[in-house]
Amino acid sequence: MFGSNLRRIRKQKMLSQADLAEKIGKTQQTVSWYESGRVYPSLKVIENIARALDVSAAQLIEGNNMDINGFRYDCAYPCTPGK
């Protein structure tokens, strides 16, 4: 759900993956992985994404069925689900 929320909000803000990546200091590929659920951002990165999109972190993770433990505050890149 995080990935689909991220994609929906990013598109509403009329930003490309590359635009968002530049704002948060990540690559376009990383943003793509976040949106697909291949990797999860740390909570620190979620905060940065929320600021870049001018939304709350809660809006990004809203409806997320994944255990919050899947998101860590500051993990080594990449944060993979459940690791």
PDB file of N, CA and C in Angstrom:
ATOM      1  N   MET A   1       0.819  -1.200   0.000  1.00  0.00           N
ATOM      2  CA  MET A   1       0.000   0.000   0.000  1.00  0.00           C
ATOM      3  C   MET A   1       0.866   1.268   0.000  1.00  0.00           C
ATOM      4  N   PHE A   2       2.009   1.222   0.696  1.00  0.00           N
ATOM      5  CA  PHE A   2       2.882   2.394   0.692  1.00  0.00           C
ATOM      6  C   PHE A   2       3.231   2.791  -0.740  1.00  0.00           C
ATOM      7  N   GLY A   3       3.637   1.790  -1.531  1.00  0.00           N
ATOM      8  CA  GLY A   3       4.063   2.070  -2.905  1.00  0.00           C
ATOM      9  C   GLY A   3       2.967   2.697  -3.746  1.00  0.00           C
ATOM     10  N   SER A   4       1.753   2.174  -3.619  1.00  0.00           N
ATOM     11  CA  SER A   4       0.654   2.736  -4.414  1.00  0.00           C
ATOM     12  C   SER A   4       0.279   4.128  -3.916  1.00  0.00           C
ATOM     13  N   ASN A   5       0.371   4.350  -2.598  1.00  0.00           N
ATOM     14  CA  ASN A   5       0.126   5.700  -2.065  1.00  0.00           C
ATOM     15  C   ASN A   5       1.175   6.671  -2.599  1.00  0.00           C
ATOM     16  N   LEU A   6       2.425   6.244  -2.574  1.00  0.00           N
ATOM     17  CA  LEU A   6       3.514   7.091  -3.063  1.00  0.00           C
ATOM     18  C   LEU A   6       3.288   7.440  -4.534  1.00  0.00           C
ATOM     19  N   ARG A   7       2.991   6.448  -5.354  1.00  0.00           N
ATOM     20  CA  ARG A   7       2.784   6.679  -6.783  1.00  0.00           C
ATOM     21  C   ARG A   7       1.619   7.647  -7.013  1.00  0.00           C
ATOM     22  N   ARG A   8       0.491   7.402  -6.320  1.00  0.00           N
ATOM     23  CA  ARG A   8      -0.702   8.245  -6.489  1.00  0.00           C
ATOM     24  C   ARG A   8      -0.414   9.696  -6.106  1.00  0.00           C
ATOM     25  N   ILE A   9       0.210   9.892  -4.955  1.00  0.00           N
ATOM     26  CA  ILE A   9       0.489  11.254  -4.484  1.00  0.00           C
ATOM     27  C   ILE A   9       1.512  11.934  -5.383  1.00  0.00           C
ATOM     28  N   ARG A  10       2.553  11.203  -5.790  1.00  0.00           N
ATOM     29  CA  ARG A  10       3.576  11.778  -6.677  1.00  0.00           C
ATOM     30  C   ARG A  10       2.934  12.261  -7.970  1.00  0.00           C
ATOM     31  N   LYS A  11       2.055  11.437  -8.535  1.00  0.00           N
ATOM     32  CA  LYS A  11       1.392  11.813  -9.791  1.00  0.00           C
ATOM     33  C   LYS A  11       0.448  12.995  -9.580  1.00  0.00           C
ATOM     34  N   GLN A  12      -0.243  13.033  -8.429  1.00  0.00           N
ATOM     35  CA  GLN A  12      -1.124  14.175  -8.132  1.00  0.00           C
ATOM     36  C   GLN A  12      -0.327  15.469  -8.083  1.00  0.00           C
ATOM     37  N   LYS A  13       0.913  15.375  -7.604  1.00  0.00           N
ATOM     38  CA  LYS A  13       1.791  16.547  -7.521  1.00  0.00           C
ATOM     39  C   LYS A  13       2.492  16.812  -8.846  1.00  0.00           C
ATOM     40  N   MET A  14       2.176  15.996  -9.856  1.00  0.00           N
ATOM     41  CA  MET A  14       2.740  16.123 -11.202  1.00  0.00           C
ATOM     42  C   MET A  14       4.266  16.087 -11.203  1.00  0.00           C
ATOM     43  N   LEU A  15       4.808  15.128 -10.448  1.00  0.00           N
ATOM     44  CA  LEU A  15       6.251  14.914 -10.405  1.00  0.00           C
ATOM     45  C   LEU A  15       6.569  13.573 -11.051  1.00  0.00           C
ATOM     46  N   SER A  16       7.668  13.524 -11.760  1.00  0.00           N
ATOM     47  CA  SER A  16       8.150  12.247 -12.285  1.00  0.00           C
ATOM     48  C   SER A  16       8.922  11.543 -11.163  1.00  0.00           C
ATOM     49  N   GLN A  17       9.207  10.273 -11.372  1.00  0.00           N
ATOM     50  CA  GLN A  17      10.040   9.568 -10.400  1.00  0.00           C
ATOM     51  C   GLN A  17      11.400  10.258 -10.287  1.00  0.00           C
ATOM     52  N   ALA A  18      11.939  10.709 -11.400  1.00  0.00           N
ATOM     53  CA  ALA A  18      13.238  11.386 -11.397  1.00  0.00           C
ATOM     54  C   ALA A  18      13.170  12.694 -10.613  1.00  0.00           C
ATOM     55  N   ASP A  19      12.058  13.437 -10.760  1.00  0.00           N
ATOM     56  CA  ASP A  19      11.898  14.692 -10.018  1.00  0.00           C
ATOM     57  C   ASP A  19      11.899  14.429  -8.520  1.00  0.00           C
ATOM     58  N   LEU A  20      11.109  13.435  -8.097  1.00  0.00           N
ATOM     59  CA  LEU A  20      11.046  13.111  -6.669  1.00  0.00           C
ATOM     60  C   LEU A  20      12.397  12.618  -6.177  1.00  0.00           C
ATOM     61  N   ALA A  21      13.042  11.776  -6.966  1.00  0.00           N
ATOM     62  CA  ALA A  21      14.349  11.244  -6.584  1.00  0.00           C
ATOM     63  C   ALA A  21      15.343  12.372  -6.315  1.00  0.00           C
ATOM     64  N   GLU A  22      15.341  13.364  -7.176  1.00  0.00           N
ATOM     65  CA  GLU A  22      16.254  14.499  -7.004  1.00  0.00           C
ATOM     66  C   GLU A  22      15.957  15.242  -5.703  1.00  0.00           C
ATOM     67  N   LYS A  23      14.674  15.402  -5.397  1.00  0.00           N
ATOM     68  CA  LYS A  23      14.279  16.133  -4.182  1.00  0.00           C
ATOM     69  C   LYS A  23      14.695  15.407  -2.906  1.00  0.00           C
ATOM     70  N   ILE A  24      14.748  14.063  -2.959  1.00  0.00           N
ATOM     71  CA  ILE A  24      15.058  13.300  -1.749  1.00  0.00           C
ATOM     72  C   ILE A  24      16.471  12.712  -1.743  1.00  0.00           C
ATOM     73  N   GLY A  25      17.236  13.022  -2.786  1.00  0.00           N
ATOM     74  CA  GLY A  25      18.619  12.556  -2.833  1.00  0.00           C
ATOM     75  C   GLY A  25      18.762  11.066  -3.108  1.00  0.00           C
ATOM     76  N   LYS A  26      17.843  10.516  -3.890  1.00  0.00           N
ATOM     77  CA  LYS A  26      17.887   9.105  -4.278  1.00  0.00           C
ATOM     78  C   LYS A  26      17.887   9.022  -5.798  1.00  0.00           C
ATOM     79  N   THR A  27      17.985   7.825  -6.334  1.00  0.00           N
ATOM     80  CA  THR A  27      17.929   7.649  -7.773  1.00  0.00           C
ATOM     81  C   THR A  27      16.487   7.389  -8.211  1.00  0.00           C
ATOM     82  N   GLN A  28      16.241   7.582  -9.501  1.00  0.00           N
ATOM     83  CA  GLN A  28      14.925   7.268 -10.056  1.00  0.00           C
ATOM     84  C   GLN A  28      14.615   5.793  -9.845  1.00  0.00           C
ATOM     85  N   GLN A  29      15.609   4.938  -9.992  1.00  0.00           N
ATOM     86  CA  GLN A  29      15.421   3.492  -9.812  1.00  0.00           C
ATOM     87  C   GLN A  29      14.950   3.185  -8.388  1.00  0.00           C
ATOM     88  N   THR A  30      15.507   3.874  -7.409  1.00  0.00           N
ATOM     89  CA  THR A  30      15.110   3.657  -6.016  1.00  0.00           C
ATOM     90  C   THR A  30      13.649   4.032  -5.807  1.00  0.00           C
ATOM     91  N   VAL A  31      13.235   5.160  -6.359  1.00  0.00           N
ATOM     92  CA  VAL A  31      11.826   5.569  -6.249  1.00  0.00           C
ATOM     93  C   VAL A  31      10.947   4.517  -6.910  1.00  0.00           C
ATOM     94  N   SER A  32      11.357   4.007  -8.051  1.00  0.00           N
ATOM     95  CA  SER A  32      10.611   2.950  -8.730  1.00  0.00           C
ATOM     96  C   SER A  32      10.481   1.722  -7.832  1.00  0.00           C
ATOM     97  N   TRP A  33      11.560   1.346  -7.169  1.00  0.00           N
ATOM     98  CA  TRP A  33      11.528   0.195  -6.262  1.00  0.00           C
ATOM     99  C   TRP A  33      10.596   0.447  -5.083  1.00  0.00           C
ATOM    100  N   TYR A  34      10.598   1.674  -4.554  1.00  0.00           N
ATOM    101  CA  TYR A  34       9.669   2.000  -3.461  1.00  0.00           C
ATOM    102  C   TYR A  34       8.230   1.826  -3.930  1.00  0.00           C
ATOM    103  N   GLU A  35       7.938   2.327  -5.120  1.00  0.00           N
ATOM    104  CA  GLU A  35       6.571   2.274  -5.633  1.00  0.00           C
ATOM    105  C   GLU A  35       6.139   0.842  -5.948  1.00  0.00           C
ATOM    106  N   SER A  36       7.059   0.001  -6.350  1.00  0.00           N
ATOM    107  CA  SER A  36       6.727  -1.386  -6.691  1.00  0.00           C
ATOM    108  C   SER A  36       6.707  -2.296  -5.466  1.00  0.00           C
ATOM    109  N   GLY A  37       7.257  -1.810  -4.338  1.00  0.00           N
ATOM    110  CA  GLY A  37       7.337  -2.645  -3.140  1.00  0.00           C
ATOM    111  C   GLY A  37       8.546  -3.555  -3.113  1.00  0.00           C
ATOM    112  N   ARG A  38       9.433  -3.368  -4.074  1.00  0.00           N
ATOM    113  CA  ARG A  38      10.656  -4.194  -4.115  1.00  0.00           C
ATOM    114  C   ARG A  38      11.528  -3.927  -2.885  1.00  0.00           C
ATOM    115  N   VAL A  39      11.625  -2.679  -2.498  1.00  0.00           N
ATOM    116  CA  VAL A  39      12.312  -2.292  -1.257  1.00  0.00           C
ATOM    117  C   VAL A  39      11.450  -1.258  -0.550  1.00  0.00           C
ATOM    118  N   TYR A  40      11.668  -1.119   0.731  1.00  0.00           N
ATOM    119  CA  TYR A  40      10.953  -0.123   1.520  1.00  0.00           C
ATOM    120  C   TYR A  40      11.939   0.921   2.005  1.00  0.00           C
ATOM    121  N   PRO A  41      11.525   2.176   2.005  1.00  0.00           N
ATOM    122  CA  PRO A  41      12.397   3.221   2.543  1.00  0.00           C
ATOM    123  C   PRO A  41      12.413   3.141   4.059  1.00  0.00           C
ATOM    124  N   SER A  42      13.465   3.667   4.644  1.00  0.00           N
ATOM    125  CA  SER A  42      13.489   3.788   6.102  1.00  0.00           C
ATOM    126  C   SER A  42      12.473   4.854   6.499  1.00  0.00           C
ATOM    127  N   LEU A  43      12.132   4.889   7.767  1.00  0.00           N
ATOM    128  CA  LEU A  43      11.209   5.923   8.240  1.00  0.00           C
ATOM    129  C   LEU A  43      11.789   7.316   8.017  1.00  0.00           C
ATOM    130  N   LYS A  44      13.096   7.420   8.138  1.00  0.00           N
ATOM    131  CA  LYS A  44      13.769   8.705   7.877  1.00  0.00           C
ATOM    132  C   LYS A  44      13.523   9.153   6.431  1.00  0.00           C
ATOM    133  N   VAL A  45      13.623   8.227   5.491  1.00  0.00           N
ATOM    134  CA  VAL A  45      13.390   8.555   4.079  1.00  0.00           C
ATOM    135  C   VAL A  45      11.914   8.856   3.849  1.00  0.00           C
ATOM    136  N   ILE A  46      11.021   8.127   4.524  1.00  0.00           N
ATOM    137  CA  ILE A  46       9.589   8.425   4.404  1.00  0.00           C
ATOM    138  C   ILE A  46       9.317   9.861   4.844  1.00  0.00           C
ATOM    139  N   GLU A  47       9.965  10.296   5.904  1.00  0.00           N
ATOM    140  CA  GLU A  47       9.815  11.690   6.344  1.00  0.00           C
ATOM    141  C   GLU A  47      10.295  12.653   5.262  1.00  0.00           C
ATOM    142  N   ASN A  48      11.417  12.335   4.625  1.00  0.00           N
ATOM    143  CA  ASN A  48      11.942  13.186   3.540  1.00  0.00           C
ATOM    144  C   ASN A  48      10.995  13.208   2.343  1.00  0.00           C
ATOM    145  N   ILE A  49      10.440  12.053   2.000  1.00  0.00           N
ATOM    146  CA  ILE A  49       9.486  11.981   0.894  1.00  0.00           C
ATOM    147  C   ILE A  49       8.255  12.816   1.218  1.00  0.00           C
ATOM    148  N   ALA A  50       7.760  12.681   2.436  1.00  0.00           N
ATOM    149  CA  ALA A  50       6.572  13.443   2.853  1.00  0.00           C
ATOM    150  C   ALA A  50       6.820  14.944   2.720  1.00  0.00           C
ATOM    151  N   ARG A  51       7.989  15.400   3.162  1.00  0.00           N
ATOM    152  CA  ARG A  51       8.324  16.828   3.035  1.00  0.00           C
ATOM    153  C   ARG A  51       8.383  17.241   1.568  1.00  0.00           C
ATOM    154  N   ALA A  52       9.012  16.404   0.752  1.00  0.00           N
ATOM    155  CA  ALA A  52       9.154  16.729  -0.674  1.00  0.00           C
ATOM    156  C   ALA A  52       7.796  16.804  -1.373  1.00  0.00           C
ATOM    157  N   LEU A  53       6.847  15.976  -0.922  1.00  0.00           N
ATOM    158  CA  LEU A  53       5.519  15.955  -1.537  1.00  0.00           C
ATOM    159  C   LEU A  53       4.518  16.847  -0.811  1.00  0.00           C
ATOM    160  N   ASP A  54       4.955  17.478   0.282  1.00  0.00           N
ATOM    161  CA  ASP A  54       4.099  18.349   1.088  1.00  0.00           C
ATOM    162  C   ASP A  54       2.854  17.606   1.589  1.00  0.00           C
ATOM    163  N   VAL A  55       3.087  16.406   2.137  1.00  0.00           N
ATOM    164  CA  VAL A  55       2.034  15.604   2.759  1.00  0.00           C
ATOM    165  C   VAL A  55       2.578  15.070   4.081  1.00  0.00           C
ATOM    166  N   SER A  56       1.722  14.463   4.869  1.00  0.00           N
ATOM    167  CA  SER A  56       2.190  13.848   6.109  1.00  0.00           C
ATOM    168  C   SER A  56       2.707  12.438   5.821  1.00  0.00           C
ATOM    169  N   ALA A  57       3.591  11.967   6.666  1.00  0.00           N
ATOM    170  CA  ALA A  57       4.073  10.590   6.542  1.00  0.00           C
ATOM    171  C   ALA A  57       2.899   9.624   6.676  1.00  0.00           C
ATOM    172  N   ALA A  58       1.927   9.975   7.497  1.00  0.00           N
ATOM    173  CA  ALA A  58       0.746   9.122   7.682  1.00  0.00           C
ATOM    174  C   ALA A  58      -0.001   8.922   6.367  1.00  0.00           C
ATOM    175  N   GLN A  59      -0.051   9.948   5.530  1.00  0.00           N
ATOM    176  CA  GLN A  59      -0.727   9.813   4.235  1.00  0.00           C
ATOM    177  C   GLN A  59      -0.008   8.809   3.340  1.00  0.00           C
ATOM    178  N   LEU A  60       1.296   8.728   3.475  1.00  0.00           N
ATOM    179  CA  LEU A  60       2.065   7.793   2.657  1.00  0.00           C
ATOM    180  C   LEU A  60       1.873   6.344   3.119  1.00  0.00           C
ATOM    181  N   ILE A  61       1.771   6.126   4.410  1.00  0.00           N
ATOM    182  CA  ILE A  61       1.666   4.755   4.906  1.00  0.00           C
ATOM    183  C   ILE A  61       0.233   4.355   5.240  1.00  0.00           C
ATOM    184  N   GLU A  62      -0.714   5.257   5.023  1.00  0.00           N
ATOM    185  CA  GLU A  62      -2.127   5.001   5.288  1.00  0.00           C
ATOM    186  C   GLU A  62      -2.603   3.725   4.582  1.00  0.00           C
ATOM    187  N   GLY A  63      -3.317   2.894   5.325  1.00  0.00           N
ATOM    188  CA  GLY A  63      -3.859   1.673   4.752  1.00  0.00           C
ATOM    189  C   GLY A  63      -2.833   0.582   4.570  1.00  0.00           C
ATOM    190  N   ASN A  64      -1.637   0.781   5.093  1.00  0.00           N
ATOM    191  CA  ASN A  64      -0.572  -0.198   4.931  1.00  0.00           C
ATOM    192  C   ASN A  64      -0.836  -1.394   5.840  1.00  0.00           C
ATOM    193  N   ASN A  65      -0.953  -2.554   5.256  1.00  0.00           N
ATOM    194  CA  ASN A  65      -1.213  -3.763   6.026  1.00  0.00           C
ATOM    195  C   ASN A  65       0.062  -4.387   6.572  1.00  0.00           C
ATOM    196  N   MET A  66       1.199  -3.883   6.129  1.00  0.00           N
ATOM    197  CA  MET A  66       2.460  -4.436   6.578  1.00  0.00           C
ATOM    198  C   MET A  66       2.754  -3.997   8.001  1.00  0.00           C
ATOM    199  N   ASP A  67       3.308  -4.863   8.786  1.00  0.00           N
ATOM    200  CA  ASP A  67       3.715  -4.546  10.148  1.00  0.00           C
ATOM    201  C   ASP A  67       4.693  -3.379  10.116  1.00  0.00           C
ATOM    202  N   ILE A  68       4.513  -2.437  11.019  1.00  0.00           N
ATOM    203  CA  ILE A  68       5.382  -1.242  11.059  1.00  0.00           C
ATOM    204  C   ILE A  68       6.844  -1.633  11.236  1.00  0.00           C
ATOM    205  N   ASN A  69       7.113  -2.830  11.762  1.00  0.00           N
ATOM    206  CA  ASN A  69       8.498  -3.269  11.926  1.00  0.00           C
ATOM    207  C   ASN A  69       9.195  -3.448  10.581  1.00  0.00           C
ATOM    208  N   GLY A  70       8.411  -3.548   9.510  1.00  0.00           N
ATOM    209  CA  GLY A  70       9.005  -3.631   8.177  1.00  0.00           C
ATOM    210  C   GLY A  70       9.688  -2.341   7.777  1.00  0.00           C
ATOM    211  N   PHE A  71       9.288  -1.243   8.415  1.00  0.00           N
ATOM    212  CA  PHE A  71       9.916   0.049   8.183  1.00  0.00           C
ATOM    213  C   PHE A  71      10.846   0.322   9.357  1.00  0.00           C
ATOM    214  N   ARG A  72      12.099   0.574   9.091  1.00  0.00           N
ATOM    215  CA  ARG A  72      13.045   0.898  10.150  1.00  0.00           C
ATOM    216  C   ARG A  72      13.446   2.360  10.007  1.00  0.00           C
ATOM    217  N   TYR A  73      13.872   2.956  11.110  1.00  0.00           N
ATOM    218  CA  TYR A  73      14.146   4.384  11.048  1.00  0.00           C
ATOM    219  C   TYR A  73      15.312   4.700  10.127  1.00  0.00           C
ATOM    220  N   ASP A  74      16.396   4.001  10.267  1.00  0.00           N
ATOM    221  CA  ASP A  74      17.568   4.346   9.481  1.00  0.00           C
ATOM    222  C   ASP A  74      18.334   3.070   9.149  1.00  0.00           C
ATOM    223  N   CYS A  75      17.881   2.351   8.137  1.00  0.00           N
ATOM    224  CA  CYS A  75      18.523   1.084   7.789  1.00  0.00           C
ATOM    225  C   CYS A  75      19.546   1.314   6.681  1.00  0.00           C
ATOM    226  N   ALA A  76      20.402   0.338   6.533  1.00  0.00           N
ATOM    227  CA  ALA A  76      21.372   0.392   5.432  1.00  0.00           C
ATOM    228  C   ALA A  76      20.621   0.154   4.130  1.00  0.00           C
ATOM    229  N   TYR A  77      21.022   0.835   3.090  1.00  0.00           N
ATOM    230  CA  TYR A  77      20.368   0.727   1.792  1.00  0.00           C
ATOM    231  C   TYR A  77      20.672  -0.638   1.184  1.00  0.00           C
ATOM    232  N   PRO A  78      19.745  -1.284   0.548  1.00  0.00           N
ATOM    233  CA  PRO A  78      18.316  -0.966   0.561  1.00  0.00           C
ATOM    234  C   PRO A  78      17.629  -1.659   1.718  1.00  0.00           C
ATOM    235  N   CYS A  79      16.528  -1.112   2.160  1.00  0.00           N
ATOM    236  CA  CYS A  79      15.720  -1.763   3.195  1.00  0.00           C
ATOM    237  C   CYS A  79      14.809  -2.734   2.475  1.00  0.00           C
ATOM    238  N   THR A  80      15.015  -3.991   2.708  1.00  0.00           N
ATOM    239  CA  THR A  80      14.152  -4.976   2.069  1.00  0.00           C
ATOM    240  C   THR A  80      13.089  -5.414   3.057  1.00  0.00           C
ATOM    241  N   PRO A  81      11.927  -5.767   2.584  1.00  0.00           N
ATOM    242  CA  PRO A  81      10.836  -6.141   3.482  1.00  0.00           C
ATOM    243  C   PRO A  81      11.251  -7.252   4.439  1.00  0.00           C
ATOM    244  N   GLY A  82      11.064  -6.982   5.736  1.00  0.00           N
ATOM    245  CA  GLY A  82      11.296  -7.999   6.753  1.00  0.00           C
ATOM    246  C   GLY A  82      12.726  -8.371   7.013  1.00  0.00           C
ATOM    247  N   LYS A  83      13.699  -7.602   6.521  1.00  0.00           N
ATOM    248  CA  LYS A  83      15.110  -7.952   6.756  1.00  0.00           C
ATOM    249  C   LYS A  83      15.827  -6.831   7.457  1.00  0.00           C
TER     250      LYS A  83
END
